[in-house]
C-alpha atoms as a PDB file:
ATOM      1  CA  MET A   1      -0.089   0.382   0.212  1.00  0.00           C
ATOM      2  CA  LYS A   2       1.388   3.663  -0.470  1.00  0.00           C
ATOM      3  CA  ARG A   3       3.347   5.093   2.141  1.00  0.00           C
ATOM      4  CA  ASN A   4       1.094   8.178   2.773  1.00  0.00           C
ATOM      5  CA  LEU A   5      -2.378   6.069   4.132  1.00  0.00           C
ATOM      6  CA  LYS A   6      -2.485   7.061   7.385  1.00  0.00           C
ATOM      7  CA  PHE A   7      -2.533   4.878  10.586  1.00  0.00           C
ATOM      8  CA  TYR A   8      -2.868   5.709  14.219  1.00  0.00           C
ATOM      9  CA  THR A   9      -0.301   4.997  16.594  1.00  0.00           C
ATOM     10  CA  VAL A  10      -0.126   5.573  20.307  1.00  0.00           C
ATOM     11  CA  LEU A  11       3.207   4.744  21.126  1.00  0.00           C
ATOM     12  CA  PHE A  12       4.332   8.712  22.462  1.00  0.00           C
ATOM     13  CA  SER A  13       1.239   8.765  24.630  1.00  0.00           C
ATOM     14  CA  LEU A  14       2.535   5.820  26.764  1.00  0.00           C
ATOM     15  CA  ALA A  15       5.062   8.039  28.846  1.00  0.00           C
ATOM     16  CA  LEU A  16       1.806   9.674  30.326  1.00  0.00           C
ATOM     17  CA  LEU A  17       0.200   6.407  31.010  1.00  0.00           C
ATOM     18  CA  PHE A  18       3.210   5.039  33.060  1.00  0.00           C
ATOM     19  CA  LEU A  19       2.645   8.175  35.882  1.00  0.00           C
ATOM     20  CA  GLY A  20       0.690   6.862  38.838  1.00  0.00           C
ATOM     21  CA  ILE A  21       1.502   3.074  38.082  1.00  0.00           C
ATOM     22  CA  SER A  22       2.207   1.894  41.145  1.00  0.00           C
ATOM     23  CA  ALA A  23       5.836  -0.019  42.108  1.00  0.00           C
ATOM     24  CA  GLN A  24       3.794  -3.320  41.446  1.00  0.00           C
ATOM     25  CA  ALA A  25       4.252  -2.608  38.034  1.00  0.00           C
ATOM     26  CA  GLN A  26       7.538  -2.108  37.224  1.00  0.00           C
ATOM     27  CA  ASN A  27       8.098  -4.976  35.343  1.00  0.00           C
ATOM     28  CA  GLU A  28       4.956  -4.488  32.576  1.00  0.00           C
ATOM     29  CA  ARG A  29       6.520  -0.934  32.422  1.00  0.00           C
ATOM     30  CA  LYS A  30       9.716  -2.599  31.396  1.00  0.00           C
ATOM     31  CA  PHE A  31       8.517  -4.600  28.675  1.00  0.00           C
ATOM     32  CA  VAL A  32       6.319  -1.667  27.568  1.00  0.00           C
ATOM     33  CA  ARG A  33       9.994   0.181  27.409  1.00  0.00           C
ATOM     34  CA  GLN A  34      11.543  -2.174  25.752  1.00  0.00           C
ATOM     35  CA  GLY A  35       8.851  -2.948  22.960  1.00  0.00           C
ATOM     36  CA  ASN A  36       8.785   1.038  22.531  1.00  0.00           C
ATOM     37  CA  LYS A  37      12.281   1.020  22.007  1.00  0.00           C
ATOM     38  CA  PHE A  38      12.287  -1.643  19.448  1.00  0.00           C
ATOM     39  CA  TYR A  39       9.395  -0.130  17.757  1.00  0.00           C
ATOM     40  CA  GLU A  40      11.377   3.342  17.321  1.00  0.00           C
ATOM     41  CA  GLN A  41      14.430   1.887  16.132  1.00  0.00           C
ATOM     42  CA  ALA A  42      12.578   0.089  13.638  1.00  0.00           C
ATOM     43  CA  LEU A  43      10.646   3.319  12.512  1.00  0.00           C
ATOM     44  CA  ALA A  44      13.927   5.371  12.692  1.00  0.00           C
ATOM     45  CA  ASP A  45      15.514   2.890   9.745  1.00  0.00           C
ATOM     46  CA  THR A  46      14.103   4.415   6.893  1.00  0.00           C
ATOM     47  CA  THR A  47      16.422   2.161   4.245  1.00  0.00           C
ATOM     48  CA  LYS A  48      14.658  -1.020   4.990  1.00  0.00           C
ATOM     49  CA  GLN A  49      11.584  -2.467   6.631  1.00  0.00           C
ATOM     50  CA  ASP A  50      13.148  -3.803   9.785  1.00  0.00           C
ATOM     51  CA  THR A  51      10.768  -6.575  11.006  1.00  0.00           C
ATOM     52  CA  ALA A  52      13.319  -8.008  13.141  1.00  0.00           C
ATOM     53  CA  SER A  53      13.015  -4.764  15.575  1.00  0.00           C
ATOM     54  CA  TYR A  54       9.279  -4.977  15.173  1.00  0.00           C
ATOM     55  CA  ASN A  55       9.159  -8.709  15.968  1.00  0.00           C
ATOM     56  CA  LYS A  56      11.265  -7.963  19.407  1.00  0.00           C
ATOM     57  CA  ALA A  57       8.643  -4.905  19.998  1.00  0.00           C
ATOM     58  CA  GLU A  58       5.429  -7.373  19.599  1.00  0.00           C
ATOM     59  CA  ILE A  59       7.454  -9.796  21.964  1.00  0.00           C
ATOM     60  CA  ALA A  60       8.061  -7.155  24.398  1.00  0.00           C
ATOM     61  CA  TYR A  61       4.591  -6.209  24.077  1.00  0.00           C
ATOM     62  CA  ARG A  62       3.059  -9.677  24.639  1.00  0.00           C
ATOM     63  CA  ARG A  63       5.226 -10.025  28.043  1.00  0.00           C
ATOM     64  CA  ALA A  64       3.318  -6.702  29.188  1.00  0.00           C
ATOM     65  CA  ILE A  65      -0.192  -7.777  27.993  1.00  0.00           C
ATOM     66  CA  ASP A  66       0.237 -11.283  30.085  1.00  0.00           C
ATOM     67  CA  LYS A  67       0.458  -9.317  32.869  1.00  0.00           C
ATOM     68  CA  ARG A  68      -2.282  -6.953  32.013  1.00  0.00           C
ATOM     69  CA  PRO A  69      -4.057  -8.550  29.384  1.00  0.00           C
ATOM     70  CA  ASP A  70      -7.081  -5.716  29.463  1.00  0.00           C
ATOM     71  CA  ASP A  71      -4.827  -2.728  28.936  1.00  0.00           C
ATOM     72  CA  LEU A  72      -6.258  -1.074  25.546  1.00  0.00           C
ATOM     73  CA  LYS A  73      -3.507   1.079  24.768  1.00  0.00           C
ATOM     74  CA  TRP A  74      -0.527  -1.963  25.125  1.00  0.00           C
ATOM     75  CA  ASN A  75      -2.692  -4.296  23.089  1.00  0.00           C
ATOM     76  CA  PHE A  76      -3.040  -1.002  20.463  1.00  0.00           C
ATOM     77  CA  ASN A  77       0.862  -1.029  20.301  1.00  0.00           C
ATOM     78  CA  LEU A  78       0.742  -4.886  19.866  1.00  0.00           C
ATOM     79  CA  GLY A  79      -1.412  -4.449  16.723  1.00  0.00           C
ATOM     80  CA  ASP A  80       0.684  -1.756  15.463  1.00  0.00           C
ATOM     81  CA  ALA A  81       3.850  -3.854  15.658  1.00  0.00           C
ATOM     82  CA  LEU A  82       2.112  -6.611  13.860  1.00  0.00           C
ATOM     83  CA  TYR A  83       1.059  -4.569  11.136  1.00  0.00           C
ATOM     84  CA  LYS A  84       4.400  -3.553  10.653  1.00  0.00           C
ATOM     85  CA  GLN A  85       5.489  -6.948  10.395  1.00  0.00           C
ATOM     86  CA  GLN A  86       2.556  -7.332   7.586  1.00  0.00           C
ATOM     87  CA  LYS A  87       0.756  -9.678   9.808  1.00  0.00           C
ATOM     88  CA  PHE A  88      -2.389  -8.063   8.631  1.00  0.00           C
ATOM     89  CA  ASP A  89      -4.667 -10.781   9.972  1.00  0.00           C
ATOM     90  CA  GLN A  90      -3.449 -10.825  13.295  1.00  0.00           C
ATOM     91  CA  ALA A  91      -3.237  -7.178  13.597  1.00  0.00           C
ATOM     92  CA  GLN A  92      -7.263  -6.875  12.419  1.00  0.00           C
ATOM     93  CA  SER A  93      -8.157  -9.198  15.251  1.00  0.00           C
ATOM     94  CA  THR A  94      -6.054  -7.045  17.570  1.00  0.00           C
ATOM     95  CA  PHE A  95      -7.889  -3.809  16.673  1.00  0.00           C
ATOM     96  CA  GLU A  96     -11.242  -5.537  16.324  1.00  0.00           C
ATOM     97  CA  ASP A  97     -10.912  -6.545  20.226  1.00  0.00           C
ATOM     98  CA  ILE A  98     -10.157  -3.234  20.943  1.00  0.00           C
ATOM     99  CA  ALA A  99     -12.783  -1.741  18.953  1.00  0.00           C
ATOM    100  CA  LYS A 100     -15.029  -3.875  20.782  1.00  0.00           C
ATOM    101  CA  LYS A 101     -13.997  -3.154  24.369  1.00  0.00           C
ATOM    102  CA  SER A 102     -13.875   0.324  24.165  1.00  0.00           C
ATOM    103  CA  THR A 103     -15.952   2.841  25.343  1.00  0.00           C
ATOM    104  CA  ASP A 104     -14.178   5.731  24.038  1.00  0.00           C
ATOM    105  CA  LYS A 105     -15.666   7.252  20.835  1.00  0.00           C
ATOM    106  CA  VAL A 106     -11.852   8.538  19.871  1.00  0.00           C
ATOM    107  CA  GLU A 107     -10.215   5.381  20.626  1.00  0.00           C
ATOM    108  CA  LYS A 108     -12.733   3.070  18.942  1.00  0.00           C
ATOM    109  CA  ALA A 109     -12.402   5.478  15.809  1.00  0.00           C
ATOM    110  CA  ARG A 110      -9.170   4.593  15.733  1.00  0.00           C
ATOM    111  CA  ALA A 111      -9.343   1.024  16.063  1.00  0.00           C
ATOM    112  CA  TYR A 112     -11.498   0.925  13.476  1.00  0.00           C
ATOM    113  CA  HIS A 113      -9.726   2.862  11.229  1.00  0.00           C
ATOM    114  CA  ASN A 114      -6.789   0.640  11.631  1.00  0.00           C
ATOM    115  CA  ILE A 115      -8.884  -2.480  11.159  1.00  0.00           C
ATOM    116  CA  GLY A 116      -9.642  -0.474   7.680  1.00  0.00           C
ATOM    117  CA  ASN A 117      -6.277  -0.665   7.173  1.00  0.00           C
ATOM    118  CA  SER A 118      -5.666  -3.951   7.689  1.00  0.00           C
ATOM    119  CA  LEU A 119      -8.557  -5.051   5.788  1.00  0.00           C
ATOM    120  CA  LEU A 120      -6.996  -2.924   2.650  1.00  0.00           C
ATOM    121  CA  MET A 121      -3.812  -4.516   3.197  1.00  0.00           C
ATOM    122  CA  GLN A 122      -5.537  -7.763   2.564  1.00  0.00           C
ATOM    123  CA  GLN A 123      -7.161  -6.555  -0.516  1.00  0.00           C
ATOM    124  CA  LYS A 124     -10.985  -6.513   0.919  1.00  0.00           C
ATOM    125  CA  LEU A 125     -11.983  -3.337  -0.074  1.00  0.00           C
ATOM    126  CA  ASP A 126     -15.623  -3.675   0.580  1.00  0.00           C
ATOM    127  CA  GLU A 127     -14.732  -4.483   4.524  1.00  0.00           C
ATOM    128  CA  SER A 128     -12.181  -1.668   4.536  1.00  0.00           C
ATOM    129  CA  ILE A 129     -14.577   0.580   3.344  1.00  0.00           C
ATOM    130  CA  GLU A 130     -17.071  -0.308   5.969  1.00  0.00           C
ATOM    131  CA  ALA A 131     -14.243   0.006   8.740  1.00  0.00           C
ATOM    132  CA  TYR A 132     -13.428   3.193   7.671  1.00  0.00           C
ATOM    133  CA  LYS A 133     -17.272   4.280   8.001  1.00  0.00           C
ATOM    134  CA  GLU A 134     -17.390   2.703  11.413  1.00  0.00           C
ATOM    135  CA  ALA A 135     -14.682   5.288  12.415  1.00  0.00           C
ATOM    136  CA  LEU A 136     -16.660   8.552  10.954  1.00  0.00           C
ATOM    137  CA  ARG A 137     -19.523   7.238  12.711  1.00  0.00           C
ATOM    138  CA  ASN A 138     -17.610   7.321  15.717  1.00  0.00           C
ATOM    139  CA  ASN A 139     -15.397  10.179  14.892  1.00  0.00           C
ATOM    140  CA  PRO A 140     -16.935  12.182  11.989  1.00  0.00           C
ATOM    141  CA  ASN A 141     -14.307  14.901  12.180  1.00  0.00           C
ATOM    142  CA  ASP A 142     -11.727  12.352  11.873  1.00  0.00           C
ATOM    143  CA  LEU A 143      -9.847  13.436   8.388  1.00  0.00           C
ATOM    144  CA  ASP A 144      -7.523  10.549   8.256  1.00  0.00           C
ATOM    145  CA  SER A 145     -10.544   8.264   8.109  1.00  0.00           C
ATOM    146  CA  LYS A 146     -11.875  10.527   5.252  1.00  0.00           C
ATOM    147  CA  TYR A 147      -8.740  10.107   3.548  1.00  0.00           C
ATOM    148  CA  ASN A 148      -8.726   6.726   3.248  1.00  0.00           C
ATOM    149  CA  LEU A 149     -12.178   6.187   3.113  1.00  0.00           C
ATOM    150  CA  LEU A 150     -11.695   8.024  -0.111  1.00  0.00           C
ATOM    151  CA  TYR A 151      -8.648   6.161  -1.308  1.00  0.00           C
ATOM    152  CA  ALA A 152     -10.345   2.620  -0.756  1.00  0.00           C
ATOM    153  CA  MET A 153     -13.155   3.723  -2.454  1.00  0.00           C
ATOM    154  CA  ASN A 154     -11.108   4.726  -5.488  1.00  0.00           C
ATOM    155  CA  LEU A 155      -9.276   1.678  -5.084  1.00  0.00           C
ATOM    156  CA  LYS A 156     -12.793  -0.098  -5.478  1.00  0.00           C
ATOM    157  CA  LYS A 157     -13.632   1.779  -8.438  1.00  0.00           C
ATOM    158  CA  LYS A 158     -10.470   1.112 -10.338  1.00  0.00           C
ATOM    159  CA  GLN A 159     -11.130  -2.390  -9.541  1.00  0.00           C
ATOM    160  CA  GLN A 160     -14.419  -2.172 -10.801  1.00  0.00           C
ATOM    161  CA  GLN A 161     -13.273  -0.407 -14.130  1.00  0.00           C
ATOM    162  CA  GLN A 162     -10.664  -3.455 -14.621  1.00  0.00           C
ATOM    163  CA  GLN A 163     -13.222  -5.874 -13.986  1.00  0.00           C
ATOM    164  CA  LYS A 164     -15.450  -4.483 -16.612  1.00  0.00           C
ATOM    165  CA  ASN A 165     -12.680  -3.980 -19.283  1.00  0.00           C
ATOM    166  CA  LYS A 166     -11.879  -7.836 -18.567  1.00  0.00           C
ATOM    167  CA  ASP A 167     -15.687  -8.742 -18.741  1.00  0.00           C
ATOM    168  CA  GLN A 168     -15.912  -6.975 -22.129  1.00  0.00           C
ATOM    169  CA  ASN A 169     -12.463  -8.382 -23.371  1.00  0.00           C
ATOM    170  CA  LYS A 170     -13.775 -11.913 -22.131  1.00  0.00           C
ATOM    171  CA  ASP A 171     -17.324 -11.019 -23.933  1.00  0.00           C
ATOM    172  CA  GLN A 172     -15.202  -9.975 -27.326  1.00  0.00           C
ATOM    173  CA  ASN A 173     -13.177 -12.999 -26.923  1.00  0.00           C
ATOM    174  CA  LYS A 174     -16.095 -15.351 -26.529  1.00  0.00           C
ATOM    175  CA  ASP A 175     -17.750 -13.273 -29.646  1.00  0.00           C
ATOM    176  CA  GLN A 176     -14.565 -13.801 -31.808  1.00  0.00           C
ATOM    177  CA  ASP A 177     -14.907 -17.650 -30.586  1.00  0.00           C
ATOM    178  CA  LYS A 178     -18.501 -17.674 -30.991  1.00  0.00           C
ATOM    179  CA  ASP A 179     -17.550 -16.294 -34.968  1.00  0.00           C
ATOM    180  CA  LYS A 180     -14.729 -18.966 -35.262  1.00  0.00           C
ATOM    181  CA  ASP A 181     -17.179 -21.554 -34.374  1.00  0.00           C
ATOM    182  CA  LYS A 182     -19.705 -20.184 -36.817  1.00  0.00           C
ATOM    183  CA  ASN A 183     -17.119 -20.219 -39.376  1.00  0.00           C
ATOM    184  CA  LYS A 184     -15.716 -23.647 -38.508  1.00  0.00           C
ATOM    185  CA  ASP A 185     -19.488 -24.640 -38.992  1.00  0.00           C
ATOM    186  CA  GLN A 186     -19.451 -22.738 -42.034  1.00  0.00           C
ATOM    187  CA  GLN A 187     -16.561 -24.716 -43.376  1.00  0.00           C
ATOM    188  CA  ASP A 188     -17.426 -28.216 -42.016  1.00  0.00           C
ATOM    189  CA  GLN A 189     -21.178 -27.491 -43.628  1.00  0.00           C
ATOM    190  CA  ASN A 190     -19.193 -26.453 -46.897  1.00  0.00           C
ATOM    191  CA  LYS A 191     -16.793 -29.528 -46.662  1.00  0.00           C
ATOM    192  CA  ASP A 192     -19.656 -31.894 -46.311  1.00  0.00           C
ATOM    193  CA  GLN A 193     -21.429 -30.211 -49.254  1.00  0.00           C
ATOM    194  CA  ASN A 194     -18.267 -30.987 -51.309  1.00  0.00           C
ATOM    195  CA  LYS A 195     -17.827 -34.557 -49.971  1.00  0.00           C
ATOM    196  CA  GLU A 196     -21.433 -35.069 -51.138  1.00  0.00           C
ATOM    197  CA  GLN A 197     -21.108 -33.374 -54.376  1.00  0.00           C
ATOM    198  CA  ASN A 198     -17.901 -35.282 -54.920  1.00  0.00           C
ATOM    199  CA  LYS A 199     -19.426 -38.419 -53.861  1.00  0.00           C
ATOM    200  CA  ASP A 200     -21.991 -37.265 -56.176  1.00  0.00           C
ATOM    201  CA  GLN A 201     -19.731 -36.598 -58.723  1.00  0.00           C
ATOM    202  CA  ASN A 202     -17.868 -39.807 -57.777  1.00  0.00           C
ATOM    203  CA  LYS A 203     -20.925 -41.762 -58.290  1.00  0.00           C
ATOM    204  CA  ASP A 204     -22.266 -40.114 -61.475  1.00  0.00           C
ATOM    205  CA  GLN A 205     -18.533 -40.903 -62.681  1.00  0.00           C
ATOM    206  CA  GLN A 206     -18.512 -44.222 -61.636  1.00  0.00           C
ATOM    207  CA  ASP A 207     -21.881 -44.647 -63.299  1.00  0.00           C
ATOM    208  CA  GLN A 208     -20.495 -43.317 -66.433  1.00  0.00           C
ATOM    209  CA  ASN A 209     -17.397 -45.473 -66.192  1.00  0.00           C
ATOM    210  CA  LYS A 210     -19.757 -48.374 -65.739  1.00  0.00           C
ATOM    211  CA  ASN A 211     -22.000 -47.480 -68.920  1.00  0.00           C
ATOM    212  CA  GLN A 212     -18.900 -46.899 -70.326  1.00  0.00           C
ATOM    213  CA  ASP A 213     -17.403 -50.420 -69.489  1.00  0.00           C
ATOM    214  CA  GLN A 214     -20.573 -51.747 -70.604  1.00  0.00           C
ATOM    215  CA  GLN A 215     -20.891 -50.277 -74.207  1.00  0.00           C
ATOM    216  CA  ASN A 216     -17.544 -51.191 -74.572  1.00  0.00           C
ATOM    217  CA  LYS A 217     -18.256 -54.610 -73.666  1.00  0.00           C
ATOM    218  CA  ASN A 218     -21.247 -54.698 -75.809  1.00  0.00           C
ATOM    219  CA  GLN A 219     -19.421 -53.513 -78.698  1.00  0.00           C
ATOM    220  CA  GLN A 220     -16.568 -55.686 -78.486  1.00  0.00           C
ATOM    221  CA  ASN A 221     -19.292 -58.840 -78.145  1.00  0.00           C
ATOM    222  CA  LYS A 222     -20.542 -57.265 -81.304  1.00  0.00           C
ATOM    223  CA  ASP A 223     -17.424 -57.288 -82.676  1.00  0.00           C
ATOM    224  CA  GLN A 224     -16.394 -60.589 -81.667  1.00  0.00           C
ATOM    225  CA  GLN A 225     -19.985 -62.071 -82.912  1.00  0.00           C
ATOM    226  CA  LYS A 226     -18.998 -59.952 -86.334  1.00  0.00           C
ATOM    227  CA  GLN A 227     -15.834 -61.703 -86.462  1.00  0.00           C
ATOM    228  CA  ASN A 228     -17.093 -65.218 -85.828  1.00  0.00           C
ATOM    229  CA  GLN A 229     -19.817 -64.499 -88.107  1.00  0.00           C
ATOM    230  CA  ASP A 230     -17.045 -63.264 -90.597  1.00  0.00           C
ATOM    231  CA  GLN A 231     -14.961 -66.406 -89.783  1.00  0.00           C
ATOM    232  CA  GLN A 232     -17.888 -68.648 -89.961  1.00  0.00           C
ATOM    233  CA  GLN A 233     -18.827 -67.405 -93.626  1.00  0.00           C
ATOM    234  CA  GLN A 234     -15.056 -67.299 -94.617  1.00  0.00           C
ATOM    235  CA  GLN A 235     -14.676 -71.025 -93.722  1.00  0.00           C
ATOM    236  CA  GLN A 236     -18.583 -71.657 -95.668  1.00  0.00           C
ATOM    237  CA  GLN A 237     -17.296 -69.922 -98.293  1.00  0.00           C
ATOM    238  CA  GLN A 238     -14.098 -72.051 -98.394  1.00  0.00           C
ATOM    239  CA  LYS A 239     -15.968 -75.370 -98.033  1.00  0.00           C
ATOM    240  CA  ILE A 240     -17.756 -74.323-100.923  1.00  0.00           C
ATOM    241  CA  SER A 241     -15.082 -73.425-102.993  1.00  0.00           C
ATOM    242  CA  LYS A 242     -13.046 -76.870-102.129  1.00  0.00           C
ATOM    243  CA  GLU A 243     -16.732 -78.393-103.200  1.00  0.00           C
ATOM    244  CA  ASN A 244     -16.767 -76.386-106.169  1.00  0.00           C
ATOM    245  CA  ALA A 245     -13.356 -77.579-106.897  1.00  0.00           C
ATOM    246  CA  GLU A 246     -13.720 -81.103-106.750  1.00  0.00           C
ATOM    247  CA  ARG A 247     -16.625 -81.229-108.893  1.00  0.00           C
ATOM    248  CA  LEU A 248     -14.756 -78.929-111.440  1.00  0.00           C
ATOM    249  CA  LEU A 249     -11.785 -81.614-110.916  1.00  0.00           C
ATOM    250  CA  GLN A 250     -14.178 -84.294-111.495  1.00  0.00           C
ATOM    251  CA  ALA A 251     -15.754 -82.967-114.567  1.00  0.00           C
ATOM    252  CA  LEU A 252     -12.445 -82.016-116.318  1.00  0.00           C
ATOM    253  CA  GLN A 253     -12.102 -85.682-115.476  1.00  0.00           C
ATOM    254  CA  ASN A 254     -15.154 -87.356-117.034  1.00  0.00           C
ATOM    255  CA  ASP A 255     -14.568 -84.974-120.072  1.00  0.00           C
ATOM    256  CA  GLU A 256     -11.381 -86.042-120.498  1.00  0.00           C
ATOM    257  CA  GLU A 257     -12.045 -89.726-120.103  1.00  0.00           C
ATOM    258  CA  LYS A 258     -14.974 -88.916-122.818  1.00  0.00           C
ATOM    259  CA  ILE A 259     -12.440 -86.996-125.111  1.00  0.00           C
ATOM    260  CA  GLN A 260      -9.952 -90.067-124.761  1.00  0.00           C
ATOM    261  CA  GLU A 261     -12.987 -92.510-125.768  1.00  0.00           C
ATOM    262  CA  LYS A 262     -13.507 -90.474-128.403  1.00  0.00           C
ATOM    263  CA  VAL A 263      -9.937 -90.249-129.675  1.00  0.00           C
ATOM    264  CA  LYS A 264      -9.694 -94.217-129.298  1.00  0.00           C
ATOM    265  CA  LYS A 265     -13.117 -94.824-131.227  1.00  0.00           C
ATOM    266  CA  ALA A 266     -11.743 -92.207-133.906  1.00  0.00           C
ATOM    267  CA  GLN A 267      -8.323 -93.954-134.004  1.00  0.00           C
ATOM    268  CA  ALA A 268     -10.264 -97.067-134.255  1.00  0.00           C
ATOM    269  CA  ALA A 269     -12.651 -96.005-137.020  1.00  0.00           C
ATOM    270  CA  LYS A 270      -9.668 -94.804-138.515  1.00  0.00           C
ATOM    271  CA  ALA A 271      -7.439 -97.948-138.520  1.00  0.00           C
ATOM    272  CA  GLN A 272     -10.638 -99.710-139.752  1.00  0.00           C
ATOM    273  CA  GLN A 273     -11.066 -97.539-142.628  1.00  0.00           C
ATOM    274  CA  ARG A 274      -7.004 -98.145-143.576  1.00  0.00           C
ATOM    275  CA  LYS A 275      -7.824-101.845-143.208  1.00  0.00           C
ATOM    276  CA  THR A 276     -10.595-101.520-145.818  1.00  0.00           C
ATOM    277  CA  ASP A 277      -8.829 -99.412-147.834  1.00  0.00           C
ATOM    278  CA  LYS A 278      -5.601-101.977-148.262  1.00  0.00           C
ATOM    279  CA  ASP A 279      -7.709-105.369-148.934  1.00  0.00           C
ATOM    280  CA  TRP A 280      -9.109-103.232-151.933  1.00  0.00           C
END
């Protein structure tokens, strides 16, 4: 938290507290003096947060409180030491106990003021705002509580704005994701459509190929049938030609035999004539 956050402490009022205390309280005062010494030593070291000295102060205050648990001022100093060690939850509990037990409005307002600081350091903005308001209810003129209240309210306002921006970015991202999903769905739909179209086209192509194959097969069958017919016709023609040749050859042989027979008869007749002529 920022350094200018207002915080109440009652350390320097303790000197007056010790006036009038009986001799029986010497041990308690010794512990308180030790606690104050360590606390002031830690405050004086501006180069670092001297948590070791604040811890020693806490131990000394607790020893004093063991002797006098109801001393609200010593409890107040214990709460300061806890706060400086960043033990904010323990400091809050200590100041809440003081606010509950205190009957003095100013002292109660200071306790609520420091409760608000402890809650603020724990990032509990709503609770810290209520604590500062309670401090102002007990002491309306407390300027420090007014300052810290405004500080906490501004922090909450910034936090709400950041959350709003975060939600808007989330919504935008959600819309973008929705658009991406929509585009993806459209792409998937187009993909399915293309797949279906390709499927139909492939089917059509397959049907065309099948029809073409069938046509080719039919044509091949026709060609084969024609070829078979041509072969049969050729074989038939060859068969007929062979028979004709045999018949022709037979006819020629018959004609030759007839001619030879005629020649023989002619020769015989001629020979007979010659013989007849000699007898004359």
